Protein backbone atom coordinates (compact mmCIF):
# COMPACT_ATOMS: atom_id res chain seq x y z
CA UNK A 1 -17.66 20.49 -2.88
CA UNK A 2 -14.62 22.70 -2.38
CA UNK A 3 -11.41 21.42 -0.75
CA UNK A 4 -10.96 24.85 0.84
CA UNK A 5 -13.74 23.77 3.19
CA UNK A 6 -11.20 21.45 4.82
CA UNK A 7 -9.42 24.54 6.16
CA UNK A 8 -12.73 26.08 7.22
CA UNK A 9 -13.72 22.93 9.13
CA UNK A 10 -10.38 22.69 10.93
CA UNK A 11 -10.65 26.40 11.80
CA UNK A 12 -14.12 25.70 13.25
CA UNK A 13 -13.06 22.70 15.34
CA UNK A 14 -9.51 23.82 16.27
CA UNK A 15 -9.45 27.64 15.98
CA UNK A 16 -6.64 28.19 18.49
CA UNK A 17 -4.54 25.18 17.47
CA UNK A 18 -1.43 25.82 15.35
CA UNK A 19 -1.89 25.12 11.65
CA UNK A 20 1.66 26.14 10.72
CA UNK A 21 4.89 26.54 12.63
CA UNK A 22 7.49 28.45 10.64
CA UNK A 23 10.86 29.50 12.09
CA UNK A 24 9.32 29.37 15.56
CA UNK A 25 6.31 31.50 14.61
CA UNK A 26 2.96 29.72 14.86
CA UNK A 27 -0.15 30.56 12.85
CA UNK A 28 -3.41 29.23 14.27
CA UNK A 29 -6.20 27.78 12.17
CA UNK A 30 -8.36 30.81 12.88
CA UNK A 31 -5.57 33.15 11.72
CA UNK A 32 -4.80 31.13 8.58
CA UNK A 33 -8.47 30.93 7.61
CA UNK A 34 -8.97 34.65 8.22
CA UNK A 35 -6.00 35.53 6.00
CA UNK A 36 -7.25 33.17 3.28
CA UNK A 37 -10.69 34.85 3.46
CA UNK A 38 -9.15 38.29 3.04
CA UNK A 39 -7.13 37.09 0.06
CA UNK A 40 -10.24 35.49 -1.47
CA UNK A 41 -12.36 38.64 -1.21
CA UNK A 42 -9.50 40.75 -2.55
CA UNK A 43 -9.06 38.40 -5.52
CA UNK A 44 -12.79 38.61 -6.28
CA UNK A 45 -12.43 42.39 -6.17
CA UNK A 46 -9.64 42.09 -8.76
CA UNK A 47 -11.98 40.21 -11.07
CA UNK A 48 -11.17 36.57 -10.29
CA UNK A 49 -14.11 34.31 -11.11
CA UNK A 50 -14.79 30.62 -10.65
CA UNK A 51 -12.61 28.63 -13.01
CA UNK A 52 -9.99 31.35 -13.51
CA UNK A 53 -6.35 30.28 -13.27
CA UNK A 54 -4.37 31.94 -10.47
CA UNK A 55 -0.74 30.93 -10.03
CA UNK A 56 1.68 30.48 -7.14
CA UNK A 57 5.43 30.51 -7.82
CA UNK A 58 7.11 31.00 -4.46
CA UNK A 59 8.90 29.03 -1.73
CA UNK A 60 6.90 27.25 1.00
CA UNK A 61 5.49 29.58 3.66
CA UNK A 62 2.37 30.23 5.70
CA UNK A 63 1.57 32.99 3.18
CA UNK A 64 1.76 30.43 0.34
CA UNK A 65 -0.90 28.39 2.17
CA UNK A 66 -3.13 31.41 2.76
CA UNK A 67 -2.95 32.41 -0.91
CA UNK A 68 -3.59 28.83 -2.12
CA UNK A 69 -6.71 28.47 -0.02
CA UNK A 70 -7.78 32.00 -0.90
CA UNK A 71 -7.70 31.06 -4.59
CA UNK A 72 -9.67 27.86 -3.94
CA UNK A 73 -12.28 29.70 -1.86
CA UNK A 74 -13.08 31.91 -4.89
CA UNK A 75 -13.69 28.83 -7.02
CA UNK A 76 -10.49 29.61 -8.90
CA UNK A 77 -7.87 27.09 -9.99
CA UNK A 78 -4.55 27.13 -8.12
CA UNK A 79 -1.73 26.72 -10.65
CA UNK A 80 1.24 25.68 -8.54
CA UNK A 81 4.68 26.26 -10.06
CA UNK A 82 8.15 25.48 -8.75
CA UNK A 83 9.91 28.46 -7.19
CA UNK A 84 13.11 27.21 -8.87
CA UNK A 85 11.93 27.56 -12.48
CA UNK A 86 14.41 29.19 -14.85
CA UNK A 87 13.31 31.92 -17.26
CA UNK A 88 12.52 29.63 -20.22
CA UNK A 89 10.74 27.11 -17.96
CA UNK A 90 8.67 29.85 -16.35
CA UNK A 91 7.76 31.26 -19.76
CA UNK A 92 6.56 27.86 -20.97
CA UNK A 93 4.53 27.22 -17.82
CA UNK A 94 2.86 30.65 -17.92
CA UNK A 95 2.05 30.33 -21.63
CA UNK A 96 0.55 26.88 -21.00
CA UNK A 97 -1.60 27.85 -18.01
CA UNK A 98 -2.34 31.57 -18.71
CA UNK A 99 -2.85 32.65 -15.08
CA UNK A 100 -4.82 35.83 -14.50
CA UNK A 101 -2.88 36.67 -11.32
CA UNK A 102 0.32 35.28 -9.79
CA UNK A 103 1.73 35.25 -6.27
CA UNK A 104 5.51 35.06 -6.45
CA UNK A 105 8.82 36.22 -4.98
CA UNK A 106 11.12 39.04 -6.04
CA UNK A 107 13.56 36.79 -7.91
CA UNK A 108 10.91 36.06 -10.55
CA UNK A 109 9.56 39.60 -10.91
CA UNK A 110 11.65 40.75 -13.88
CA UNK A 111 10.88 37.59 -15.83
CA UNK A 112 7.16 37.87 -15.16
CA UNK A 113 6.90 41.57 -16.01
CA UNK A 114 7.85 40.74 -19.59
CA UNK A 115 5.01 38.21 -19.85
CA UNK A 116 2.18 40.57 -18.84
CA UNK A 117 -0.61 40.95 -21.40
CA UNK A 118 -4.41 41.32 -21.39
CA UNK A 119 -6.02 38.66 -19.17
CA UNK A 120 -2.61 37.14 -18.32
CA UNK A 121 -0.63 38.21 -15.23
CA UNK A 122 -2.86 41.24 -14.77
CA UNK A 123 -1.57 41.49 -11.21
CA UNK A 124 1.79 40.25 -9.93
CA UNK A 125 1.64 39.87 -6.15
CA UNK A 126 5.10 40.31 -4.65
CA UNK A 127 7.33 43.07 -3.28
CA UNK A 128 7.99 45.46 -6.16
CA UNK A 129 5.09 44.03 -8.19
CA UNK A 130 1.61 45.46 -8.60
CA UNK A 131 1.17 44.97 -4.84
CA UNK A 132 2.64 42.80 -2.13
CA UNK A 133 0.62 40.20 -0.27
CA UNK A 134 -0.03 42.38 2.77
CA UNK A 135 -1.48 45.08 0.51
CA UNK A 136 -3.70 42.47 -1.13
CA UNK A 137 -4.88 41.27 2.29
CA UNK A 138 -5.80 44.84 3.26
CA UNK A 139 -8.20 44.98 0.31
CA UNK A 140 -10.15 41.99 1.60
CA UNK A 141 -12.57 40.99 4.33
CA UNK A 142 -12.31 38.24 6.95
CA UNK A 143 -15.85 37.11 6.21
CA UNK A 144 -15.97 34.69 3.28
CA UNK A 145 -17.08 31.10 2.73
CA UNK A 146 -15.68 28.86 0.04
CA UNK A 147 -17.84 28.86 -3.09
CA UNK A 148 -19.55 25.61 -4.01
CA UNK A 149 -17.92 23.71 -6.87
CA UNK A 150 -18.88 20.50 -8.67
CA UNK A 151 -16.84 17.39 -7.92
CA UNK A 152 -15.25 17.28 -11.43
CA UNK A 153 -14.30 20.98 -11.42
CA UNK A 154 -10.55 21.57 -11.52
CA UNK A 155 -9.12 22.69 -8.19
CA UNK A 156 -5.39 22.68 -8.89
CA UNK A 157 -2.93 22.27 -11.73
CA UNK A 158 0.38 20.65 -10.80
CA UNK A 159 3.19 20.18 -13.27
CA UNK A 160 4.92 16.84 -13.65
CA UNK A 161 8.59 16.84 -12.78
CA UNK A 162 9.76 16.67 -16.36
CA UNK A 163 12.28 13.92 -15.53
CA UNK A 164 11.27 12.07 -18.72
CA UNK A 165 10.37 15.00 -20.96
CA UNK A 166 8.62 18.39 -21.03
CA UNK A 167 6.54 19.00 -17.87
CA UNK A 168 2.80 18.60 -18.36
CA UNK A 169 0.07 20.33 -16.38
CA UNK A 170 -2.01 17.77 -14.48
CA UNK A 171 -5.64 18.76 -13.91
CA UNK A 172 -6.76 17.63 -10.44
CA UNK A 173 -10.39 18.07 -9.47
CA UNK A 174 -11.87 18.75 -6.05
CA UNK A 175 -12.97 15.11 -5.98
CA UNK A 176 -9.50 13.85 -6.95
CA UNK A 177 -7.85 15.77 -4.10
CA UNK A 178 -10.57 14.95 -1.58
CA UNK A 179 -10.39 11.20 -2.29
CA UNK A 180 -6.60 11.13 -2.11
CA UNK A 181 -6.19 13.20 1.06
CA UNK A 182 -8.93 11.29 2.90
CA UNK A 183 -6.98 8.12 2.20
CA UNK A 184 -3.76 9.65 3.54
CA UNK A 185 -5.45 10.75 6.78
CA UNK A 186 -7.12 7.37 7.31
CA UNK A 187 -4.13 5.17 6.49
CA UNK A 188 -1.66 7.21 8.52
CA UNK A 189 -4.06 7.53 11.49
CA UNK A 190 -3.49 11.29 11.40
CA UNK A 191 -4.95 13.48 14.14
CA UNK A 192 -5.01 17.01 15.51
CA UNK A 193 -2.13 16.02 17.81
CA UNK A 194 0.30 15.42 14.96
CA UNK A 195 3.04 17.77 13.86
CA UNK A 196 4.20 16.92 10.34
CA UNK A 197 7.63 17.99 9.14
CA UNK A 198 7.49 19.47 5.64
CA UNK A 199 10.54 20.68 3.73
CA UNK A 200 9.37 19.40 0.35
CA UNK A 201 7.99 22.01 -2.09
CA UNK A 202 4.25 22.65 -2.13
CA UNK A 203 4.18 22.64 -5.94
CA UNK A 204 4.99 18.90 -5.80
CA UNK A 205 2.17 16.39 -5.27
CA UNK A 206 3.84 14.89 -2.20
CA UNK A 207 4.25 18.24 -0.46
CA UNK A 208 0.92 19.71 -1.56
CA UNK A 209 -1.44 16.75 -1.25
CA UNK A 210 0.11 14.07 0.94
CA UNK A 211 1.65 16.37 3.55
CA UNK A 212 -0.02 19.81 3.41
CA UNK A 213 -3.63 19.13 2.43
CA UNK A 214 -3.86 15.94 4.48
CA UNK A 215 -2.35 17.54 7.60
CA UNK A 216 -4.72 20.51 7.47
CA UNK A 217 -7.66 18.18 6.84
CA UNK A 218 -6.84 16.30 10.07
CA UNK A 219 -6.32 19.47 12.12
CA UNK A 220 -2.61 18.83 12.67
CA UNK A 221 0.28 21.28 12.47
CA UNK A 222 2.77 21.71 9.62
CA UNK A 223 6.32 22.10 10.92
CA UNK A 224 7.51 24.06 7.92
CA UNK A 225 11.04 24.42 6.55
CA UNK A 226 11.68 26.31 3.28
CA UNK A 227 14.00 23.54 2.03
CA UNK A 228 15.92 20.53 3.32
CA UNK A 229 18.54 21.49 5.89
CA UNK A 230 19.94 18.58 7.89
CA UNK A 231 20.80 20.75 10.89
CA UNK A 232 17.31 22.28 11.05
CA UNK A 233 15.62 18.89 10.54
CA UNK A 234 17.58 17.40 13.44
CA UNK A 235 16.92 20.49 15.55
CA UNK A 236 13.14 20.28 14.94
CA UNK A 237 13.06 16.60 15.86
CA UNK A 238 15.33 16.96 18.89
CA UNK A 239 13.08 19.74 20.22
CA UNK A 240 10.15 17.31 20.12
CA UNK A 241 8.29 19.37 17.51
CA UNK A 242 7.86 16.52 15.02
CA UNK A 243 5.64 13.43 15.29
CA UNK A 244 5.57 12.59 11.57
CA UNK A 245 8.73 12.55 9.46
CA UNK A 246 8.14 12.92 5.72
CA UNK A 247 11.19 12.56 3.51
CA UNK A 248 12.57 10.95 0.37
CA UNK A 249 15.01 8.03 0.13
CA UNK A 250 18.11 10.21 -0.16
CA UNK A 251 17.25 11.95 3.13
CA UNK A 252 16.79 8.65 4.97
CA UNK A 253 20.16 7.51 3.63
CA UNK A 254 21.79 10.65 5.04
CA UNK A 255 20.00 10.37 8.38
CA UNK A 256 21.26 6.79 8.79
CA UNK A 257 24.81 8.16 9.02
CA UNK A 258 23.88 10.08 12.21
CA UNK A 259 25.12 8.71 15.52
CA UNK A 260 22.43 8.18 18.15
CA UNK A 261 19.68 8.46 15.53
CA UNK A 262 16.97 6.86 17.66
CA UNK A 263 17.40 9.46 20.41
CA UNK A 264 17.48 12.30 17.87
CA UNK A 265 14.06 11.33 16.51
CA UNK A 266 12.57 12.14 19.95
CA UNK A 267 8.73 12.20 19.51
CA UNK A 268 8.63 10.93 15.93
CA UNK A 269 6.03 8.15 15.82
CA UNK A 270 5.71 7.74 12.07
CA UNK A 271 8.09 7.79 9.10
CA UNK A 272 7.11 7.97 5.44
CA UNK A 273 9.11 8.01 2.22
CA UNK A 274 7.97 9.08 -1.25
CA UNK A 275 9.08 10.53 -4.61
CA UNK A 276 11.09 7.41 -5.52
CA UNK A 277 11.04 3.75 -4.55
CA UNK A 278 12.97 2.98 -1.37
CA UNK A 279 15.62 0.25 -1.48
CA UNK A 280 14.57 -2.59 0.83
CA UNK A 281 18.00 -2.58 2.49
CA UNK A 282 17.52 1.02 3.64
CA UNK A 283 14.13 0.12 5.17
CA UNK A 284 15.73 -2.76 7.08
CA UNK A 285 18.62 -0.64 8.33
CA UNK A 286 16.23 2.12 9.47
CA UNK A 287 14.09 -0.34 11.41
CA UNK A 288 17.19 -1.75 13.12
CA UNK A 289 18.50 1.72 14.02
CA UNK A 290 15.24 3.35 15.16
CA UNK A 291 12.64 0.65 15.80
CA UNK A 292 10.35 2.45 13.32
CA UNK A 293 9.16 1.29 9.92
CA UNK A 294 9.51 3.50 6.88
CA UNK A 295 6.02 3.42 5.41
CA UNK A 296 5.64 3.87 1.68
CA UNK A 297 2.85 4.53 -0.74
CA UNK A 298 2.72 4.32 -4.48
CA UNK A 299 1.39 7.36 -6.24
CA UNK A 300 2.11 10.12 -8.71
CA UNK A 301 0.93 13.59 -9.67
CA UNK A 302 -1.75 12.07 -11.90
CA UNK A 303 -3.24 10.18 -8.91
CA UNK A 304 -3.20 13.16 -6.51
CA UNK A 305 -0.91 11.00 -4.30
CA UNK A 306 -1.96 7.64 -2.81
CA UNK A 307 -2.70 4.58 -4.95
CA UNK A 308 -1.37 1.93 -2.57
CA UNK A 309 -0.11 2.05 1.01
CA UNK A 310 2.37 -0.08 2.97
CA UNK A 311 0.99 -0.59 5.79
CA UNK A 312 0.17 0.16 9.43
CA UNK A 313 -0.61 -3.39 10.48
CA UNK A 314 1.27 -5.59 8.05
CA UNK A 315 4.25 -3.77 6.62
CA UNK A 316 5.97 -5.79 3.87
CA UNK A 317 9.55 -4.67 3.24
CA UNK A 318 10.18 -4.17 -0.47
CA UNK A 319 6.52 -3.59 -1.33
CA UNK A 320 4.56 -0.36 -1.75
CA UNK A 321 1.50 -1.94 -0.15
CA UNK A 322 -2.07 -2.70 -1.13
CA UNK A 323 -4.60 -0.48 -2.96
CA UNK A 324 -6.21 2.14 -0.75
CA UNK A 325 -9.97 2.58 -0.38
CA UNK A 326 -11.79 3.24 -3.63
CA UNK A 327 -8.75 2.56 -5.82
CA UNK A 328 -8.24 -0.46 -8.10
CA UNK A 329 -4.94 -1.72 -9.49
CA UNK A 330 -4.37 -4.08 -12.41
CA UNK A 331 -1.19 -5.36 -14.02
CA UNK A 332 -1.38 -5.49 -17.83
CA UNK A 333 1.02 -6.43 -20.59
CA UNK A 334 1.88 -3.83 -23.20
CA UNK A 335 -1.04 -4.97 -25.34
CA UNK A 336 -3.51 -4.37 -22.51
CA UNK A 337 -4.04 -8.00 -21.45
CA UNK A 338 -4.56 -8.40 -17.69
CA UNK A 339 -1.70 -10.37 -16.10
CA UNK A 340 -2.13 -13.06 -13.47
CA UNK A 341 -0.81 -12.93 -9.90
CA UNK A 342 2.97 -12.66 -9.83
CA UNK A 343 3.34 -11.70 -13.48
CA UNK A 344 5.07 -8.44 -14.35
CA UNK A 345 3.50 -5.72 -16.45
CA UNK A 346 2.40 -2.09 -16.52
CA UNK A 347 0.59 -0.85 -13.41
CA UNK A 348 -2.87 0.43 -14.35
CA UNK A 349 -5.10 2.34 -11.93
CA UNK A 350 -8.76 3.27 -11.63
CA UNK A 351 -10.32 5.44 -8.92
CA UNK A 352 -11.78 8.80 -7.93
CA UNK A 353 -8.26 10.11 -7.35
CA UNK A 354 -7.16 9.81 -10.98
CA UNK A 355 -6.67 13.11 -12.82
CA UNK A 356 -9.07 14.64 -15.31
CA UNK A 357 -6.26 14.87 -17.87
CA UNK A 358 -3.33 16.99 -19.01
CA UNK A 359 -3.67 20.72 -19.60
CA UNK A 360 -4.09 21.57 -23.31
CA UNK A 361 -3.00 18.03 -24.27
CA UNK A 362 -5.92 15.82 -25.34
CA UNK A 363 -3.61 13.49 -27.29
CA UNK A 364 -1.28 12.99 -24.30
CA UNK A 365 -4.33 12.40 -22.11
CA UNK A 366 -5.76 9.78 -24.47
CA UNK A 367 -2.41 8.00 -24.69
CA UNK A 368 -2.30 7.25 -20.94
CA UNK A 369 -5.77 5.72 -20.62
CA UNK A 370 -7.24 2.36 -21.53
CA UNK A 371 -10.92 3.28 -21.18
CA UNK A 372 -11.03 4.58 -17.57
CA UNK A 373 -7.83 2.80 -16.50
CA UNK A 374 -4.81 5.08 -16.15
CA UNK A 375 -1.52 3.69 -17.50
CA UNK A 376 1.17 4.60 -15.00
CA UNK A 377 4.25 3.92 -17.11
CA UNK A 378 5.60 1.84 -14.21
CA UNK A 379 6.27 -1.89 -14.23
CA UNK A 380 5.10 -3.94 -11.27
CA UNK A 381 3.55 -7.16 -10.01
CA UNK A 382 0.93 -8.12 -7.43
CA UNK A 383 1.38 -11.00 -4.97
CA UNK A 384 -1.31 -13.33 -3.62
CA UNK A 385 -2.19 -10.90 -0.80
CA UNK A 386 -2.60 -7.96 -3.19
CA UNK A 387 0.70 -6.27 -2.25
CA UNK A 388 2.20 -4.30 -5.12
CA UNK A 389 5.90 -4.49 -5.94
CA UNK A 390 7.49 -1.93 -8.24
CA UNK A 391 9.84 -3.44 -10.80
CA UNK A 392 10.92 -0.21 -12.53
CA UNK A 393 9.91 2.63 -14.80
CA UNK A 394 9.14 1.44 -18.32
CA UNK A 395 11.29 4.27 -19.67
CA UNK A 396 14.19 3.38 -17.35
CA UNK A 397 14.41 -0.20 -18.59
CA UNK A 398 17.77 -0.96 -20.23
CA UNK A 399 18.01 -3.29 -23.22
CA UNK A 400 21.52 -4.72 -23.37
CA UNK A 401 22.49 -7.53 -25.74
CA UNK A 402 18.78 -8.19 -26.32
CA UNK A 403 18.10 -8.68 -22.59
CA UNK A 404 15.75 -6.46 -20.54
CA UNK A 405 17.46 -5.08 -17.44
CA UNK A 406 15.60 -3.23 -14.69
CA UNK A 407 17.88 -0.74 -12.89
CA UNK A 408 15.96 -1.03 -9.63
CA UNK A 409 17.03 -4.69 -9.21
CA UNK A 410 20.71 -3.73 -9.52
CA UNK A 411 20.28 -0.71 -7.25
CA UNK A 412 18.78 -2.95 -4.54
CA UNK A 413 21.93 -5.11 -4.59
CA UNK A 414 24.25 -2.09 -4.58
CA UNK A 415 22.44 -0.59 -1.59
CA UNK A 416 23.11 -3.80 0.37
CA UNK A 417 26.89 -3.23 0.13
CA UNK A 418 28.50 -1.50 3.12
CA UNK A 419 30.58 0.93 1.06
CA UNK A 420 27.62 2.31 -0.97
CA UNK A 421 25.91 5.42 0.41
CA UNK A 422 23.73 6.16 -2.61
CA UNK A 423 23.50 4.93 -6.17
CA UNK A 424 21.58 4.84 -9.41
CA UNK A 425 21.82 2.73 -12.57
CA UNK A 426 21.31 4.02 -16.11
CA UNK A 427 21.77 2.76 -19.66
CA UNK A 428 24.21 4.46 -22.03
CA UNK A 429 24.53 3.81 -25.79
CA UNK A 430 26.95 1.02 -26.72
CA UNK A 431 27.92 -0.13 -30.23
CA UNK A 432 28.25 -3.76 -29.19
CA UNK A 433 25.50 -4.17 -26.61
CA UNK A 434 22.97 -1.53 -27.70
CA UNK A 435 23.06 -0.11 -24.17
CA UNK A 436 25.61 -0.73 -21.46
CA UNK A 437 24.53 -0.97 -17.84
CA UNK A 438 26.18 1.91 -15.97
CA UNK A 439 26.28 2.38 -12.19
CA UNK A 440 26.81 5.80 -10.61
CA UNK A 441 27.75 5.53 -6.94
CA UNK A 442 28.28 7.84 -3.98
CA UNK A 443 30.51 6.01 -1.46
CA UNK A 444 29.97 6.17 2.27
CA UNK A 445 32.21 8.71 4.04
CA UNK A 446 35.71 7.36 4.51
CA UNK A 447 35.17 4.33 2.26
CA UNK A 448 36.55 3.51 -1.17
CA UNK A 449 34.90 1.81 -4.14
CA UNK A 450 37.01 -0.85 -5.86
CA UNK A 451 35.06 -1.35 -9.09
CA UNK A 452 36.86 -4.54 -10.12
CA UNK A 453 36.16 -6.19 -6.80
CA UNK A 454 32.63 -4.76 -6.86
CA UNK A 455 31.90 -6.50 -10.18
CA UNK A 456 33.07 -9.82 -8.74
CA UNK A 457 30.67 -9.47 -5.82
CA UNK A 458 27.76 -8.41 -8.04
CA UNK A 459 28.24 -11.46 -10.28
CA UNK A 460 27.48 -13.63 -7.25
CA UNK A 461 24.04 -12.02 -6.94
CA UNK A 462 23.10 -11.01 -10.48
CA UNK A 463 23.07 -12.58 -13.91
CA UNK A 464 26.17 -11.55 -15.83
CA UNK A 465 24.24 -9.35 -18.31
CA UNK A 466 22.88 -7.30 -15.37
CA UNK A 467 26.29 -6.53 -13.88
CA UNK A 468 27.34 -2.97 -14.78
CA UNK A 469 29.93 -2.66 -17.50
CA UNK A 470 30.81 0.87 -16.40
CA UNK A 471 31.07 2.57 -12.99
CA UNK A 472 31.30 6.20 -11.95
CA UNK A 473 32.12 7.22 -8.38
CA UNK A 474 30.76 10.70 -7.64
CA UNK A 475 30.14 13.09 -4.76
CA UNK A 476 26.60 14.14 -5.75
CA UNK A 477 23.74 13.09 -8.00
CA UNK A 478 21.40 15.47 -9.88
CA UNK A 479 18.02 15.60 -8.13
CA UNK A 480 14.68 17.31 -8.48
CA UNK A 481 13.38 19.67 -5.80
CA UNK A 482 11.47 16.69 -4.39
CA UNK A 483 14.66 14.64 -4.05
CA UNK A 484 14.15 12.30 -7.03
CA UNK A 485 17.33 11.35 -8.89
CA UNK A 486 17.18 12.82 -12.38
CA UNK A 487 18.32 9.90 -14.52
CA UNK A 488 17.60 11.79 -17.72
CA UNK A 489 19.97 14.59 -16.68
CA UNK A 490 22.57 12.04 -15.63
CA UNK A 491 22.42 10.37 -19.05
CA UNK A 492 22.85 13.77 -20.70
CA UNK A 493 25.95 14.49 -18.61
CA UNK A 494 27.66 11.23 -19.51
CA UNK A 495 26.63 11.37 -23.15
CA UNK A 496 28.14 14.86 -23.36
CA UNK A 497 31.37 13.80 -21.62
CA UNK A 498 31.73 10.78 -23.97
CA UNK A 499 31.10 13.01 -27.00
CA UNK A 500 33.87 15.35 -25.88
């Protein structure tokens, strides 16, 4: 097994079909596979062997894809890093993963040059480095077939977002990725006729597995943008180049403010949201405005994407769906006891998509497993039909006056208010209450937030201890490259401002 064979198969069946469309330039499957072959043979010539770590730290591009599959074809392990890493973050990631070679962009070159040592960063592939990618390609041959690997062999290392601590390298095997991407293709009814919009970074599990790997497995085309740009997203859709819209909740919120949204979607047949749970009110508003459902799945880096899916034939607003093929979900209390239907507890998962473990962290790996059941760190419940509902992150739970408060419940109510564009709820230290519930809100354009009146309205829908004791009205919220609100960073900001 080698997931690079997915590219080879699509190149066999659809050689002249576009695999990637980037700023109007299309790369066919035959061209992408040929470039990946040349990179693979060149890497072998530079000494890369099966199991060696080879890193990518660059923005999304067709070249990123060619290098990624070139690494996989050699039997190497693709270590995918964010192109936005700062010097200290990059140093930590390199020291953790020890890549033999790295493909990167010029902005990172000076940092990386100082990290070179025997067997680590022997070749830096970028303009001004040891060679650029075109020079590497010239060293290779177009004739190469992906080397056979065992199912448990590591294919890729992705780093967790670090929103709750230091990022950890997640070891995903060929089997993990194959199981997850097959489920994406099946559940989304993907085909060679689809064009999937992708502006989310390939180092993130959503961009790399759910969008990129699944699209290329199905023979579809990636409509690639280097980052989110509202004007370019609308332009791509209006030109009819997009059939599948992949985004995160904050993007759907922004799109809902567009006049004539339904017409602007043009050929979009399918909408999907990931990275963070979608407020049910946003799903309802989107359906009313466009006639399309926003499908969701539940997943994480450690599950190589899909765990549950909500749902082509019976979409339940507010849920993240039912377990996908080959994946089991249980709800357990914090002592490990299995909960009954409707009871809340930690979501635990078992399946062929679950990671091998964390890089260089056997203790962290052991701490997130009960036997072969992965502990997600998320709170949820299952209904009688097997639909999963996310309650909140265990680490996001607020304890105020001895009561457990789940921010997601409050956020759902805030999103239902006409003056709220976007929001999040965090807990801040409080001498009296232990933690005080704090709401941070972006108002809709042209609207004001009256916090006194807002509290009165919230008390009609929430128990008094859940109603925020503090409000902040802001213009922006800190977010990861994948669009997830960084609650940890937000807490730091407000703790610092209170300290001052």
